Amino acid sequence: MSANGQNRHARTSRLARKLALAGVGAAVLALPLIGATTASAATPAAATTATTAATTYPDNLDGWIRESLDIMAQHGIPGTYEGIHRNIMRESSGNPLAINNWDINAINGTPSKGLLQVIDPTFQAYHVEGTSWDPYDPVANITAACNYAADRYGSMDNVFSAY
């Protein structure tokens, strides 16, 4: 490519990045300036950013499960709202700070913790990128437990007792 072509490409790329930051409307107005191919590439990025930023979850059991399901979907971890909710209610009654200080795990020094009563070694082994490393964090606890259940049972939906 000639030096002139490289400079034009660099200017076009900078313009496309600026338009992506400015939003879809600006990109559409600039189509004649940078060409349809470059503007089309910039437009989805702006739309995706706006969609991602708009996703919020309530700080309650429903929100924690829904956020976990979204993270699980990104990582290919199976599970449904119903299966997760059923297991949470059995394991912790929905208390993210629940701790089991009486079973064999507790006697051995690794009590089960959180919504889905995960022991620390299991939590660390099945932790999912993008979540907290705190086993009491509701979303991290649900997501790690579902990752473990998927590996061991195929899905959290297949768990009907202590696991």
C-alpha atoms as a PDB file:
ATOM      1  CA  MET A   1       0.000   0.000   0.000  1.00  0.00           C
ATOM      2  CA  SER A   2       1.340   3.467  -0.802  1.00  0.00           C
ATOM      3  CA  ALA A   3       2.196   5.927   1.970  1.00  0.00           C
ATOM      4  CA  ASN A   4      -0.742   8.033   0.841  1.00  0.00           C
ATOM      5  CA  GLY A   5      -3.079   5.044   1.140  1.00  0.00           C
ATOM      6  CA  GLN A   6      -1.727   4.176   4.603  1.00  0.00           C
ATOM      7  CA  ASN A   7      -2.316   7.740   5.854  1.00  0.00           C
ATOM      8  CA  ARG A   8      -5.851   7.703   4.468  1.00  0.00           C
ATOM      9  CA  HIS A   9      -6.501   4.311   6.138  1.00  0.00           C
ATOM     10  CA  ALA A  10      -5.173   5.612   9.497  1.00  0.00           C
ATOM     11  CA  ARG A  11      -7.356   8.734   9.284  1.00  0.00           C
ATOM     12  CA  THR A  12     -10.378   6.615   8.352  1.00  0.00           C
ATOM     13  CA  SER A  13      -9.752   4.239  11.272  1.00  0.00           C
ATOM     14  CA  ARG A  14      -9.449   7.133  13.731  1.00  0.00           C
ATOM     15  CA  LEU A  15     -12.662   8.635  12.366  1.00  0.00           C
ATOM     16  CA  ALA A  16     -14.461   5.287  12.680  1.00  0.00           C
ATOM     17  CA  ARG A  17     -13.339   4.942  16.335  1.00  0.00           C
ATOM     18  CA  LYS A  18     -14.530   8.468  17.113  1.00  0.00           C
ATOM     19  CA  LEU A  19     -17.857   7.766  15.456  1.00  0.00           C
ATOM     20  CA  ALA A  20     -18.259   4.550  17.436  1.00  0.00           C
ATOM     21  CA  LEU A  21     -17.801   6.556  20.614  1.00  0.00           C
ATOM     22  CA  ALA A  22     -20.188   9.255  19.418  1.00  0.00           C
ATOM     23  CA  GLY A  23     -22.928   6.744  18.717  1.00  0.00           C
ATOM     24  CA  VAL A  24     -24.905   5.194  15.922  1.00  0.00           C
ATOM     25  CA  GLY A  25     -26.490   8.457  14.772  1.00  0.00           C
ATOM     26  CA  ALA A  26     -23.142  10.087  14.086  1.00  0.00           C
ATOM     27  CA  ALA A  27     -21.934   7.006  12.225  1.00  0.00           C
ATOM     28  CA  VAL A  28     -24.962   7.049   9.926  1.00  0.00           C
ATOM     29  CA  LEU A  29     -24.394  10.726   9.126  1.00  0.00           C
ATOM     30  CA  ALA A  30     -20.767  10.007   8.290  1.00  0.00           C
ATOM     31  CA  LEU A  31     -21.395   7.161   5.833  1.00  0.00           C
ATOM     32  CA  PRO A  32     -20.467   9.280   2.808  1.00  0.00           C
ATOM     33  CA  LEU A  33     -17.239  10.413   4.524  1.00  0.00           C
ATOM     34  CA  ILE A  34     -15.698   7.038   5.392  1.00  0.00           C
ATOM     35  CA  GLY A  35     -17.516   4.507   3.244  1.00  0.00           C
ATOM     36  CA  ALA A  36     -20.261   2.056   4.118  1.00  0.00           C
ATOM     37  CA  THR A  37     -17.918  -0.795   5.111  1.00  0.00           C
ATOM     38  CA  THR A  38     -16.090   1.158   7.813  1.00  0.00           C
ATOM     39  CA  ALA A  39     -19.245   2.785   9.164  1.00  0.00           C
ATOM     40  CA  SER A  40     -21.013  -0.562   9.310  1.00  0.00           C
ATOM     41  CA  ALA A  41     -18.154  -1.982  11.362  1.00  0.00           C
ATOM     42  CA  ALA A  42     -18.351   0.963  13.782  1.00  0.00           C
ATOM     43  CA  THR A  43     -22.116   0.937  14.194  1.00  0.00           C
ATOM     44  CA  PRO A  44     -22.597  -2.499  15.862  1.00  0.00           C
ATOM     45  CA  ALA A  45     -19.880  -1.735  18.430  1.00  0.00           C
ATOM     46  CA  ALA A  46     -21.706   1.406  19.504  1.00  0.00           C
ATOM     47  CA  ALA A  47     -25.040  -0.412  19.661  1.00  0.00           C
ATOM     48  CA  THR A  48     -23.533  -3.324  21.648  1.00  0.00           C
ATOM     49  CA  THR A  49     -21.944  -0.961  24.166  1.00  0.00           C
ATOM     50  CA  ALA A  50     -25.252   0.791  24.734  1.00  0.00           C
ATOM     51  CA  THR A  51     -27.080  -2.540  25.194  1.00  0.00           C
ATOM     52  CA  THR A  52     -24.484  -3.944  27.613  1.00  0.00           C
ATOM     53  CA  ALA A  53     -24.456  -0.797  29.727  1.00  0.00           C
ATOM     54  CA  ALA A  54     -28.266  -0.882  30.013  1.00  0.00           C
ATOM     55  CA  THR A  55     -28.345  -4.353  31.652  1.00  0.00           C
ATOM     56  CA  THR A  56     -28.844  -3.988  35.378  1.00  0.00           C
ATOM     57  CA  TYR A  57     -29.957  -6.525  37.931  1.00  0.00           C
ATOM     58  CA  PRO A  58     -31.749  -5.947  41.225  1.00  0.00           C
ATOM     59  CA  ASP A  59     -29.731  -6.737  44.349  1.00  0.00           C
ATOM     60  CA  ASN A  60     -31.960  -9.624  45.403  1.00  0.00           C
ATOM     61  CA  LEU A  61     -32.326 -13.353  44.765  1.00  0.00           C
ATOM     62  CA  ASP A  62     -34.098 -12.849  41.433  1.00  0.00           C
ATOM     63  CA  GLY A  63     -31.405 -10.442  40.204  1.00  0.00           C
ATOM     64  CA  TRP A  64     -28.548 -12.686  41.367  1.00  0.00           C
ATOM     65  CA  ILE A  65     -29.996 -15.696  39.556  1.00  0.00           C
ATOM     66  CA  ARG A  66     -30.641 -13.706  36.361  1.00  0.00           C
ATOM     67  CA  GLU A  67     -27.140 -12.199  36.365  1.00  0.00           C
ATOM     68  CA  SER A  68     -25.647 -15.643  36.952  1.00  0.00           C
ATOM     69  CA  LEU A  69     -27.679 -17.077  34.075  1.00  0.00           C
ATOM     70  CA  ASP A  70     -26.342 -14.370  31.750  1.00  0.00           C
ATOM     71  CA  ILE A  71     -22.747 -15.122  32.797  1.00  0.00           C
ATOM     72  CA  MET A  72     -23.391 -18.863  32.490  1.00  0.00           C
ATOM     73  CA  ALA A  73     -24.716 -18.364  28.961  1.00  0.00           C
ATOM     74  CA  GLN A  74     -21.512 -16.534  28.010  1.00  0.00           C
ATOM     75  CA  HIS A  75     -19.451 -19.493  29.283  1.00  0.00           C
ATOM     76  CA  GLY A  76     -21.668 -22.301  27.985  1.00  0.00           C
ATOM     77  CA  ILE A  77     -22.736 -23.456  31.454  1.00  0.00           C
ATOM     78  CA  PRO A  78     -26.214 -25.044  31.375  1.00  0.00           C
ATOM     79  CA  GLY A  79     -28.957 -24.358  33.902  1.00  0.00           C
ATOM     80  CA  THR A  80     -32.364 -22.784  34.321  1.00  0.00           C
ATOM     81  CA  TYR A  81     -33.850 -20.258  36.672  1.00  0.00           C
ATOM     82  CA  GLU A  82     -36.110 -22.923  38.162  1.00  0.00           C
ATOM     83  CA  GLY A  83     -33.291 -25.412  38.798  1.00  0.00           C
ATOM     84  CA  ILE A  84     -31.084 -22.784  40.418  1.00  0.00           C
ATOM     85  CA  HIS A  85     -33.904 -21.339  42.531  1.00  0.00           C
ATOM     86  CA  ARG A  86     -35.006 -24.789  43.743  1.00  0.00           C
ATOM     87  CA  ASN A  87     -31.480 -25.661  44.875  1.00  0.00           C
ATOM     88  CA  ILE A  88     -30.884 -22.291  46.531  1.00  0.00           C
ATOM     89  CA  MET A  89     -34.063 -22.615  48.558  1.00  0.00           C
ATOM     90  CA  ARG A  90     -33.065 -26.101  49.721  1.00  0.00           C
ATOM     91  CA  GLU A  91     -29.447 -25.199  50.497  1.00  0.00           C
ATOM     92  CA  SER A  92     -29.686 -21.723  52.079  1.00  0.00           C
ATOM     93  CA  SER A  93     -33.295 -20.499  51.967  1.00  0.00           C
ATOM     94  CA  GLY A  94     -31.967 -17.611  49.872  1.00  0.00           C
ATOM     95  CA  ASN A  95     -29.449 -16.331  52.453  1.00  0.00           C
ATOM     96  CA  PRO A  96     -26.179 -15.396  50.682  1.00  0.00           C
ATOM     97  CA  LEU A  97     -24.344 -15.400  54.042  1.00  0.00           C
ATOM     98  CA  ALA A  98     -25.454 -18.905  55.033  1.00  0.00           C
ATOM     99  CA  ILE A  99     -22.723 -21.145  56.417  1.00  0.00           C
ATOM    100  CA  ASN A 100     -22.956 -24.777  57.431  1.00  0.00           C
ATOM    101  CA  ASN A 101     -20.918 -25.324  60.597  1.00  0.00           C
ATOM    102  CA  TRP A 102     -22.156 -28.817  61.434  1.00  0.00           C
ATOM    103  CA  ASP A 103     -21.724 -31.257  58.497  1.00  0.00           C
ATOM    104  CA  ILE A 104     -18.663 -33.340  57.596  1.00  0.00           C
ATOM    105  CA  ASN A 105     -17.184 -30.499  55.528  1.00  0.00           C
ATOM    106  CA  ALA A 106     -17.339 -28.180  58.541  1.00  0.00           C
ATOM    107  CA  ILE A 107     -15.875 -30.869  60.812  1.00  0.00           C
ATOM    108  CA  ASN A 108     -13.004 -31.184  58.314  1.00  0.00           C
ATOM    109  CA  GLY A 109     -12.464 -27.396  58.398  1.00  0.00           C
ATOM    110  CA  THR A 110     -14.094 -26.392  55.105  1.00  0.00           C
ATOM    111  CA  PRO A 111     -17.678 -25.353  55.815  1.00  0.00           C
ATOM    112  CA  SER A 112     -20.161 -24.899  52.984  1.00  0.00           C
ATOM    113  CA  LYS A 113     -20.890 -21.238  52.240  1.00  0.00           C
ATOM    114  CA  GLY A 114     -23.329 -18.996  50.441  1.00  0.00           C
ATOM    115  CA  LEU A 115     -26.520 -19.460  48.504  1.00  0.00           C
ATOM    116  CA  LEU A 116     -25.600 -22.859  47.080  1.00  0.00           C
ATOM    117  CA  GLN A 117     -23.410 -24.019  49.983  1.00  0.00           C
ATOM    118  CA  VAL A 118     -20.119 -24.403  48.149  1.00  0.00           C
ATOM    119  CA  ILE A 119     -16.911 -25.352  49.982  1.00  0.00           C
ATOM    120  CA  ASP A 120     -13.840 -23.205  49.278  1.00  0.00           C
ATOM    121  CA  PRO A 121     -11.867 -25.805  47.241  1.00  0.00           C
ATOM    122  CA  THR A 122     -14.871 -26.405  44.966  1.00  0.00           C
ATOM    123  CA  PHE A 123     -15.527 -22.681  44.641  1.00  0.00           C
ATOM    124  CA  GLN A 124     -11.899 -22.044  43.652  1.00  0.00           C
ATOM    125  CA  ALA A 125     -11.787 -24.970  41.210  1.00  0.00           C
ATOM    126  CA  TYR A 126     -15.052 -23.988  39.485  1.00  0.00           C
ATOM    127  CA  HIS A 127     -14.822 -20.197  39.761  1.00  0.00           C
ATOM    128  CA  VAL A 128     -16.024 -18.503  36.564  1.00  0.00           C
ATOM    129  CA  GLU A 129     -14.043 -15.656  35.051  1.00  0.00           C
ATOM    130  CA  GLY A 130     -15.749 -12.300  35.412  1.00  0.00           C
ATOM    131  CA  THR A 131     -17.173 -13.037  38.869  1.00  0.00           C
ATOM    132  CA  SER A 132     -15.854 -12.213  42.323  1.00  0.00           C
ATOM    133  CA  TRP A 133     -13.482 -14.545  44.150  1.00  0.00           C
ATOM    134  CA  ASP A 134     -15.625 -14.131  47.292  1.00  0.00           C
ATOM    135  CA  PRO A 135     -17.659 -17.325  47.911  1.00  0.00           C
ATOM    136  CA  TYR A 136     -20.281 -15.214  49.727  1.00  0.00           C
ATOM    137  CA  ASP A 137     -20.828 -13.055  46.637  1.00  0.00           C
ATOM    138  CA  PRO A 138     -24.225 -14.304  45.434  1.00  0.00           C
ATOM    139  CA  VAL A 139     -23.485 -14.200  41.705  1.00  0.00           C
ATOM    140  CA  ALA A 140     -20.035 -15.782  42.080  1.00  0.00           C
ATOM    141  CA  ASN A 141     -21.449 -18.487  44.378  1.00  0.00           C
ATOM    142  CA  ILE A 142     -24.317 -19.375  42.037  1.00  0.00           C
ATOM    143  CA  THR A 143     -22.131 -19.359  38.943  1.00  0.00           C
ATOM    144  CA  ALA A 144     -19.347 -21.489  40.466  1.00  0.00           C
ATOM    145  CA  ALA A 145     -21.867 -23.963  41.915  1.00  0.00           C
ATOM    146  CA  CYS A 146     -23.630 -24.262  38.552  1.00  0.00           C
ATOM    147  CA  ASN A 147     -20.278 -24.766  36.831  1.00  0.00           C
ATOM    148  CA  TYR A 148     -19.507 -27.583  39.299  1.00  0.00           C
ATOM    149  CA  ALA A 149     -22.979 -29.116  38.900  1.00  0.00           C
ATOM    150  CA  ALA A 150     -22.641 -29.003  35.103  1.00  0.00           C
ATOM    151  CA  ASP A 151     -19.324 -30.847  35.309  1.00  0.00           C
ATOM    152  CA  ARG A 152     -20.568 -33.420  37.821  1.00  0.00           C
ATOM    153  CA  TYR A 153     -24.280 -33.845  36.971  1.00  0.00           C
ATOM    154  CA  GLY A 154     -24.755 -32.246  33.551  1.00  0.00           C
ATOM    155  CA  SER A 155     -26.614 -29.224  34.969  1.00  0.00           C
ATOM    156  CA  MET A 156     -27.839 -27.737  38.224  1.00  0.00           C
ATOM    157  CA  ASP A 157     -31.277 -28.765  36.946  1.00  0.00           C
ATOM    158  CA  ASN A 158     -30.291 -32.403  37.617  1.00  0.00           C
ATOM    159  CA  VAL A 159     -29.518 -31.785  41.305  1.00  0.00           C
ATOM    160  CA  PHE A 160     -32.325 -32.702  43.692  1.00  0.00           C
ATOM    161  CA  SER A 161     -30.459 -33.149  46.975  1.00  0.00           C
ATOM    162  CA  ALA A 162     -27.182 -32.173  48.627  1.00  0.00           C
ATOM    163  CA  TYR A 163     -24.426 -32.361  46.057  1.00  0.00           C
END
